[in-house]
Protein backbone atom coordinates (compact mmCIF):
# COMPACT_ATOMS: atom_id res chain seq x y z
CA MET A 1 0.00 0.00 0.00
CA MET A 2 1.37 3.43 -0.92
CA THR A 3 2.15 5.77 2.00
CA VAL A 4 0.24 9.07 1.96
CA LEU A 5 1.97 12.08 3.52
CA ASP A 6 1.05 15.71 4.11
CA TYR A 7 4.00 17.18 6.01
CA GLN A 8 5.77 20.52 6.14
CA SER A 9 8.72 21.21 8.41
CA SER A 10 8.97 24.55 10.16
CA THR A 11 12.77 24.36 10.19
CA ARG A 12 15.24 24.78 7.35
CA ILE A 13 18.13 22.33 7.87
CA VAL A 14 21.62 23.29 6.71
CA PHE A 15 24.13 20.45 7.07
CA GLY A 16 27.83 20.04 6.36
CA PRO A 17 31.35 20.45 7.75
CA GLY A 18 32.21 24.13 8.24
CA LYS A 19 28.61 25.31 7.85
CA VAL A 20 28.83 27.33 11.08
CA THR A 21 30.42 30.07 8.94
CA GLU A 22 27.02 30.53 7.30
CA LEU A 23 25.37 31.63 10.53
CA GLY A 24 25.64 35.32 9.64
CA ASN A 25 24.02 34.82 6.24
CA ALA A 26 21.26 32.73 7.79
CA ALA A 27 20.56 35.48 10.32
CA ARG A 28 20.54 38.14 7.59
CA GLU A 29 18.03 36.08 5.61
CA LEU A 30 15.74 36.43 8.64
CA SER A 31 16.29 40.23 8.62
CA ALA A 32 18.26 40.18 11.87
CA GLN A 33 20.31 43.14 13.04
CA ARG A 34 20.62 42.41 16.78
CA VAL A 35 21.18 38.80 17.85
CA LEU A 36 21.22 37.27 21.32
CA VAL A 37 23.36 34.10 21.46
CA ALA A 38 22.62 31.61 24.27
CA SER A 39 25.53 29.25 24.93
CA ASP A 40 27.32 27.38 27.71
CA ALA A 41 30.78 27.49 29.24
CA GLY A 42 32.05 24.27 27.63
CA VAL A 43 31.08 25.26 24.09
CA ILE A 44 32.49 28.74 24.67
CA ALA A 45 35.78 27.31 26.01
CA ALA A 46 36.08 25.09 22.92
CA GLY A 47 36.00 28.22 20.75
CA HIS A 48 32.84 27.24 18.86
CA THR A 49 30.68 30.09 20.10
CA ALA A 50 33.35 32.60 19.07
CA ARG A 51 33.26 31.20 15.51
CA GLY A 52 29.52 31.68 15.41
CA ILE A 53 29.74 35.21 16.78
CA ALA A 54 32.46 36.04 14.25
CA ALA A 55 30.20 34.87 11.43
CA LEU A 56 27.39 37.07 12.73
CA GLU A 57 29.62 40.10 13.13
CA ALA A 58 31.05 39.58 9.64
CA ALA A 59 27.47 40.06 8.42
CA ASP A 60 27.34 43.43 10.26
CA ILE A 61 25.10 42.08 13.00
CA THR A 62 25.33 43.32 16.59
CA VAL A 63 25.71 40.39 18.99
CA GLN A 64 25.11 39.90 22.72
CA LEU A 65 26.24 36.66 24.40
CA PHE A 66 24.32 35.02 27.23
CA ASP A 67 26.77 32.51 28.71
CA GLY A 68 24.67 31.31 31.65
CA VAL A 69 23.31 28.10 30.12
CA LYS A 70 23.91 24.97 32.17
CA GLU A 71 22.89 21.32 31.83
CA ASN A 72 19.16 20.74 32.32
CA PRO A 73 18.16 24.42 32.08
CA THR A 74 16.02 25.81 34.87
CA THR A 75 13.65 28.72 35.24
CA GLU A 76 16.48 30.61 36.94
CA GLN A 77 18.68 30.34 33.86
CA VAL A 78 15.82 31.42 31.59
CA ASP A 79 15.15 34.41 33.85
CA ALA A 80 18.84 35.38 33.73
CA GLY A 81 18.80 35.22 29.94
CA LEU A 82 15.57 37.22 29.84
CA ALA A 83 17.19 40.01 31.85
CA ILE A 84 19.94 40.30 29.24
CA ALA A 85 17.39 40.16 26.40
CA ASN A 86 15.29 42.91 27.96
CA ASP A 87 18.35 45.14 28.13
CA PHE A 88 19.74 44.25 24.68
CA ARG A 89 16.46 44.10 22.71
CA PRO A 90 17.32 41.39 20.13
CA ASP A 91 15.39 40.72 16.96
CA LEU A 92 16.67 37.12 16.68
CA ILE A 93 17.89 34.50 19.16
CA VAL A 94 20.50 31.80 18.52
CA GLY A 95 20.71 28.64 20.61
CA PHE A 96 24.37 27.60 20.29
CA GLY A 97 25.31 24.35 22.02
CA GLY A 98 23.59 21.20 23.16
CA GLY A 99 19.93 20.70 23.92
CA SER A 100 20.23 22.85 27.03
CA ALA A 101 21.30 25.91 25.04
CA MET A 102 18.58 25.39 22.45
CA ASP A 103 15.87 24.85 25.07
CA CYS A 104 17.06 27.85 27.07
CA ALA A 105 16.89 29.99 23.92
CA LYS A 106 13.29 28.89 23.42
CA GLY A 107 12.47 29.64 27.04
CA ILE A 108 13.95 33.13 26.82
CA ASN A 109 11.95 33.71 23.65
CA PHE A 110 8.66 32.72 25.30
CA LEU A 111 9.14 35.19 28.14
CA TYR A 112 10.68 38.00 26.08
CA SER A 113 8.02 37.83 23.38
CA CYS A 114 4.94 36.99 25.45
CA GLY A 115 5.73 37.94 29.06
CA GLY A 116 4.82 36.05 32.22
CA LYS A 117 6.82 33.22 33.76
CA MET A 118 8.01 29.92 32.35
CA GLN A 119 5.32 27.96 34.18
CA ASP A 120 2.71 29.79 32.09
CA TYR A 121 3.93 27.91 28.98
CA TRP A 122 3.91 24.42 30.45
CA GLY A 123 1.86 22.39 28.00
CA LEU A 124 1.00 22.92 24.37
CA GLY A 125 0.17 26.09 22.45
CA LYS A 126 0.45 28.52 25.36
CA ALA A 127 2.27 31.34 23.52
CA THR A 128 0.05 34.44 23.42
CA GLY A 129 1.58 35.97 20.30
CA PRO A 130 4.42 35.74 17.76
CA LEU A 131 7.90 34.79 18.96
CA LEU A 132 11.21 36.12 17.65
CA PRO A 133 12.80 34.07 14.86
CA MET A 134 15.49 31.69 16.11
CA ILE A 135 18.44 29.74 14.72
CA ALA A 136 19.82 26.56 16.28
CA VAL A 137 23.48 25.55 16.07
CA PRO A 138 23.72 22.17 17.85
CA THR A 139 27.15 21.10 19.05
CA THR A 140 26.03 17.65 20.18
CA ALA A 141 24.15 14.83 18.47
CA GLY A 142 21.41 14.13 20.97
CA THR A 143 18.23 15.94 21.85
CA GLY A 144 17.05 16.92 18.38
CA SER A 145 15.80 20.15 19.94
CA GLU A 146 16.76 21.94 16.72
CA THR A 147 13.78 20.37 14.94
CA GLN A 148 11.29 20.41 17.81
CA SER A 149 8.88 23.09 18.98
CA PHE A 150 9.26 22.06 22.63
CA ALA A 151 11.52 23.45 25.35
CA LEU A 152 12.26 21.30 28.40
CA ILE A 153 12.76 23.64 31.34
CA SER A 154 12.97 22.55 35.00
CA ASP A 155 11.24 24.50 37.74
CA ALA A 156 14.12 25.73 39.91
CA GLU A 157 12.11 25.17 43.12
CA THR A 158 10.22 21.93 42.49
CA HIS A 159 12.72 20.43 39.98
CA GLN A 160 9.72 19.41 37.85
CA LYS A 161 10.61 19.20 34.16
CA MET A 162 8.16 21.26 32.16
CA ALA A 163 7.58 20.52 28.47
CA CYS A 164 6.65 23.87 26.94
CA GLY A 165 5.55 23.44 23.34
CA ASP A 166 4.21 25.75 20.68
CA HIS A 167 4.63 25.62 16.90
CA ARG A 168 5.85 29.22 17.07
CA ALA A 169 8.81 28.06 19.18
CA ALA A 170 10.34 26.04 16.36
CA PHE A 171 13.70 27.22 15.06
CA ARG A 172 13.50 28.82 11.63
CA THR A 173 16.92 27.43 10.70
CA ALA A 174 19.14 24.67 12.10
CA ILE A 175 22.81 24.72 11.13
CA LEU A 176 24.34 21.27 11.57
CA ASP A 177 28.13 21.34 11.45
CA PRO A 178 29.63 17.99 12.52
CA GLU A 179 33.00 19.65 13.10
CA LEU A 180 31.46 21.31 16.16
CA THR A 181 30.87 17.90 17.77
CA VAL A 182 34.49 16.71 17.63
CA THR A 183 35.47 18.43 20.89
CA GLN A 184 32.75 16.71 22.91
CA PRO A 185 34.16 14.75 25.84
CA PRO A 186 33.53 11.02 25.34
CA ARG A 187 30.98 10.95 28.15
CA VAL A 188 28.97 13.76 26.55
CA ALA A 189 29.06 12.00 23.19
CA ALA A 190 27.84 8.79 24.86
CA LEU A 191 25.04 10.47 26.80
CA SER A 192 23.78 12.60 23.94
CA GLY A 193 24.10 9.77 21.42
CA PHE A 194 22.14 7.36 23.58
CA ASP A 195 19.44 9.97 24.02
CA ALA A 196 19.16 10.26 20.25
CA LEU A 197 18.91 6.47 19.90
CA SER A 198 16.14 6.42 22.49
CA HIS A 199 14.17 8.95 20.47
CA THR A 200 14.10 6.65 17.44
CA VAL A 201 13.07 3.67 19.56
CA GLU A 202 10.29 5.44 21.48
CA THR A 203 8.84 7.51 18.65
CA PHE A 204 8.49 4.40 16.50
CA VAL A 205 5.97 2.77 18.85
CA THR A 206 4.01 5.53 20.65
CA ASN A 207 0.24 5.68 20.47
CA LYS A 208 0.64 8.81 18.30
CA ARG A 209 2.91 7.17 15.69
CA ASN A 210 2.03 7.96 12.10
CA ASP A 211 3.50 7.61 8.60
CA SER A 212 5.59 10.78 8.93
CA SER A 213 7.04 9.98 12.36
CA CYS A 214 7.81 6.38 11.40
CA GLN A 215 9.73 7.48 8.31
CA PHE A 216 11.83 9.88 10.39
CA SER A 217 12.39 7.20 13.05
CA ARG A 218 13.58 4.68 10.46
CA GLU A 219 15.97 7.12 8.80
CA ALA A 220 17.31 8.19 12.18
CA TRP A 221 17.93 4.58 13.27
CA GLN A 222 19.79 3.83 10.03
CA ARG A 223 22.23 6.64 10.83
CA LEU A 224 22.49 6.35 14.61
CA ALA A 225 22.69 2.64 15.37
CA PRO A 226 25.77 1.88 13.20
CA ASN A 227 27.66 5.01 14.26
CA PHE A 228 27.11 5.36 18.02
CA LEU A 229 30.11 3.28 19.04
CA ARG A 230 32.10 4.37 15.97
CA VAL A 231 32.11 7.97 17.23
CA LEU A 232 33.29 6.86 20.68
CA GLU A 233 36.03 4.65 19.24
CA CYS A 234 37.15 7.07 16.49
CA PRO A 235 36.30 10.59 17.71
CA ASP A 236 37.85 12.28 14.66
CA ASP A 237 35.63 10.42 12.18
CA ILE A 238 33.72 13.40 10.73
CA ALA A 239 31.57 11.17 8.52
CA ALA A 240 30.36 9.15 11.53
CA ARG A 241 29.78 12.34 13.51
CA GLY A 242 27.80 13.74 10.63
CA GLU A 243 25.62 10.64 10.55
CA MET A 244 25.00 10.96 14.30
CA GLN A 245 24.13 14.64 13.98
CA LEU A 246 21.74 14.07 11.09
CA GLY A 247 20.24 11.08 12.89
CA ALA A 248 19.61 13.12 16.02
CA CYS A 249 18.02 15.84 13.90
CA LEU A 250 15.72 13.35 12.16
CA ALA A 251 14.82 11.81 15.52
CA GLY A 252 13.82 15.30 16.66
CA LEU A 253 11.44 15.48 13.70
CA ALA A 254 10.08 12.08 14.75
CA ILE A 255 9.38 13.45 18.24
CA GLU A 256 7.64 16.46 16.76
CA ASN A 257 5.29 14.10 14.92
CA SER A 258 4.96 11.26 17.43
CA MET A 259 6.08 12.08 21.03
CA LEU A 260 7.99 9.85 23.47
CA GLY A 261 7.11 7.11 25.94
CA ALA A 262 7.69 5.46 29.30
CA ALA A 263 11.50 5.50 29.20
CA HIS A 264 11.48 9.30 29.25
CA ALA A 265 8.78 9.32 31.92
CA LEU A 266 10.94 7.06 34.08
CA ALA A 267 14.12 9.03 33.38
CA ASN A 268 12.87 12.46 34.45
CA PRO A 269 12.39 11.65 38.18
CA LEU A 270 15.86 10.10 38.29
CA THR A 271 17.30 13.38 37.03
CA ALA A 272 15.13 15.52 39.32
CA VAL A 273 15.77 13.54 42.54
CA TYR A 274 19.26 12.10 42.04
CA ASP A 275 20.72 14.49 39.46
CA ILE A 276 21.44 11.55 37.15
CA ALA A 277 22.29 12.86 33.68
CA HIS A 278 19.37 12.54 31.30
CA GLY A 279 21.15 10.28 28.81
CA GLU A 280 22.35 8.07 31.64
CA ALA A 281 18.83 7.78 33.07
CA ILE A 282 17.53 6.87 29.61
CA ALA A 283 20.22 4.21 29.18
CA LEU A 284 19.23 2.69 32.53
CA MET A 285 15.53 2.46 31.73
CA LEU A 286 15.08 2.05 27.96
CA PRO A 287 16.00 -1.66 27.63
CA HIS A 288 13.44 -2.56 30.31
CA VAL A 289 10.75 -0.46 28.65
CA VAL A 290 11.45 -2.13 25.30
CA ARG A 291 11.00 -5.57 26.86
CA PHE A 292 7.83 -4.40 28.63
CA ASN A 293 6.39 -3.04 25.38
CA GLY A 294 7.48 -6.12 23.45
CA ALA A 295 4.31 -8.08 24.13
CA GLN A 296 2.40 -5.57 22.03
CA CYS A 297 5.12 -3.97 19.87
CA ASP A 298 7.46 -6.82 18.95
CA GLY A 299 6.57 -6.52 15.26
CA TRP A 300 7.21 -2.80 15.22
CA TYR A 301 10.60 -3.25 16.91
CA HIS A 302 11.42 -5.94 14.35
CA GLU A 303 10.51 -3.53 11.56
CA LEU A 304 12.75 -0.81 13.03
CA LEU A 305 15.75 -3.14 13.31
CA GLU A 306 15.29 -4.30 9.73
CA THR A 307 16.09 -0.78 8.48
CA ALA A 308 19.76 -1.26 9.45
CA ALA A 309 19.91 -5.04 9.06
CA ASP A 310 22.64 -4.82 6.41
CA ASP A 311 25.08 -3.37 8.96
CA PRO A 312 27.02 -6.16 10.73
CA ASN A 313 27.11 -4.15 13.97
CA CYS A 314 23.32 -3.85 14.19
CA PRO A 315 20.94 -6.54 15.43
CA THR A 316 17.92 -8.16 13.82
CA GLY A 317 14.91 -9.54 15.61
CA GLY A 318 12.34 -7.96 17.89
CA ALA A 319 12.07 -6.54 21.39
CA GLU A 320 14.56 -8.88 23.09
CA ALA A 321 17.21 -8.33 20.44
CA LEU A 322 16.74 -4.57 20.61
CA ALA A 323 16.82 -4.46 24.42
CA ASP A 324 19.99 -6.57 24.53
CA PHE A 325 21.59 -4.36 21.87
CA LEU A 326 20.78 -1.17 23.79
CA GLN A 327 22.06 -2.59 27.08
CA ASN A 328 25.27 -3.73 25.38
CA LEU A 329 25.78 -0.29 23.82
CA ALA A 330 25.36 1.40 27.20
CA SER A 331 27.87 -0.96 28.80
CA LYS A 332 30.44 -0.48 26.02
CA ALA A 333 29.99 3.28 26.30
CA GLY A 334 30.84 3.13 30.01
CA LEU A 335 27.33 3.97 31.21
CA PRO A 336 25.87 2.25 34.28
CA VAL A 337 23.25 -0.44 33.68
CA LYS A 338 21.77 -0.68 37.19
CA LEU A 339 20.09 1.96 39.34
CA ASN A 340 21.88 0.76 42.47
CA GLN A 341 25.16 1.80 40.80
CA CYS A 342 23.88 5.40 40.78
CA GLY A 343 22.97 5.82 44.45
CA VAL A 344 19.25 5.22 43.94
CA GLU A 345 17.68 3.87 47.14
CA GLN A 346 15.34 0.91 46.68
CA SER A 347 13.02 2.33 49.33
CA ARG A 348 12.33 5.39 47.15
CA LEU A 349 11.30 3.47 44.05
CA PRO A 350 7.55 3.76 44.80
CA GLU A 351 7.92 7.54 45.14
CA LEU A 352 9.79 7.69 41.83
CA ALA A 353 7.13 5.55 40.15
CA ASP A 354 4.37 7.90 41.32
CA SER A 355 6.31 10.81 39.85
CA ALA A 356 6.96 8.95 36.59
CA ALA A 357 3.24 8.26 36.20
CA GLN A 358 2.61 12.02 36.23
CA GLN A 359 5.05 12.69 33.39
CA TRP A 360 3.37 13.72 30.15
CA THR A 361 5.31 11.23 28.03
CA ALA A 362 3.91 8.31 30.06
CA SER A 363 0.55 8.91 28.40
CA PHE A 364 1.99 8.17 24.94
CA ASN A 365 3.50 4.78 25.78
CA PRO A 366 1.98 2.09 23.52
CA VAL A 367 1.23 -0.14 26.52
CA PRO A 368 -0.65 1.79 29.23
CA VAL A 369 1.40 2.37 32.39
CA SER A 370 0.30 3.13 35.94
CA PRO A 371 2.49 3.59 39.02
CA ALA A 372 2.38 -0.21 39.49
CA GLU A 373 3.89 -0.98 36.08
CA LEU A 374 6.42 1.83 36.38
CA LEU A 375 7.49 0.55 39.81
CA LYS A 376 8.13 -2.90 38.31
CA LEU A 377 10.31 -1.31 35.64
CA TYR A 378 12.31 0.58 38.26
CA GLU A 379 12.72 -2.67 40.25
CA LEU A 380 14.00 -4.47 37.15
CA ALA A 381 16.51 -1.69 36.58
CA TRP A 382 17.55 -1.50 40.24
């Protein structure tokens, strides 16, 4: 049967080594004259942000840097960026870095353009008017935030992760330059890469899956699964890094069309309570979720694995083969595979399960989950 599609992306994707030099031209095409750049200390120290700023200034654009982005951006970081934006008065915002920088840029844009506080935008379609145009320059291959209209911002007081989504929050342009990912520490590459892999796996089976999302998930898996370990073993392999970056980008498009599932619902409380890195929390929980979903989704998992079946490093089969593959990847990447290795107390698992059940992504899991099912998954991972 022929697939029928009606899809239009909000984001122009520019990909290739050295493409960061085109940032100024991309901003000019959006009529920018004053640009706020949101970035983090690690990307700035690597010299990448300076290259982007130089490209903007070469296009006669006035630039202001906000360097206060940190991992898992909070309302405090967004408020700090907003203060700079209110003083500088930008007409375009650039998120330059990993998912945190891109999400923080979106958060600043919500508040600068529409007012209020970040909690006002928790949910879908809460923007009250147009947002400034934005450009994403990802320096990791992970979140796919560059092709999503969601910002994940944590409440600084409650530590609750808030998914704030609005089609107006999508980046107008995403510049993917794999050369910017070479300086990632191995741990960052492992965490971000595993996150990207999880997006292909979860989007392919959610209860919102559709022809568009499945096509993006398949294409993302074909690029990510064969190259995850390659990037860790050969960090200077630009071709492999490019495949990871494009795969993460495509997985972001899959999220935009499908959403995520129980693995992300289970991961968020681990980050909020124990400060476990997001990619690490995903690596701990995803194999167990795949096995749990397998009773209903084994055929879909089999279909996903078939898309990269010609690669000798990728598995074939269904849920068990996929779960084993993911667990093996995490182990080879030096990530923990048990919750008790991360300081998680067994006595707090019921509390974590209650919190996981309240996560938005839990509602999209193909097999319905309640606190009871989520507790069993935590126990398996413990």
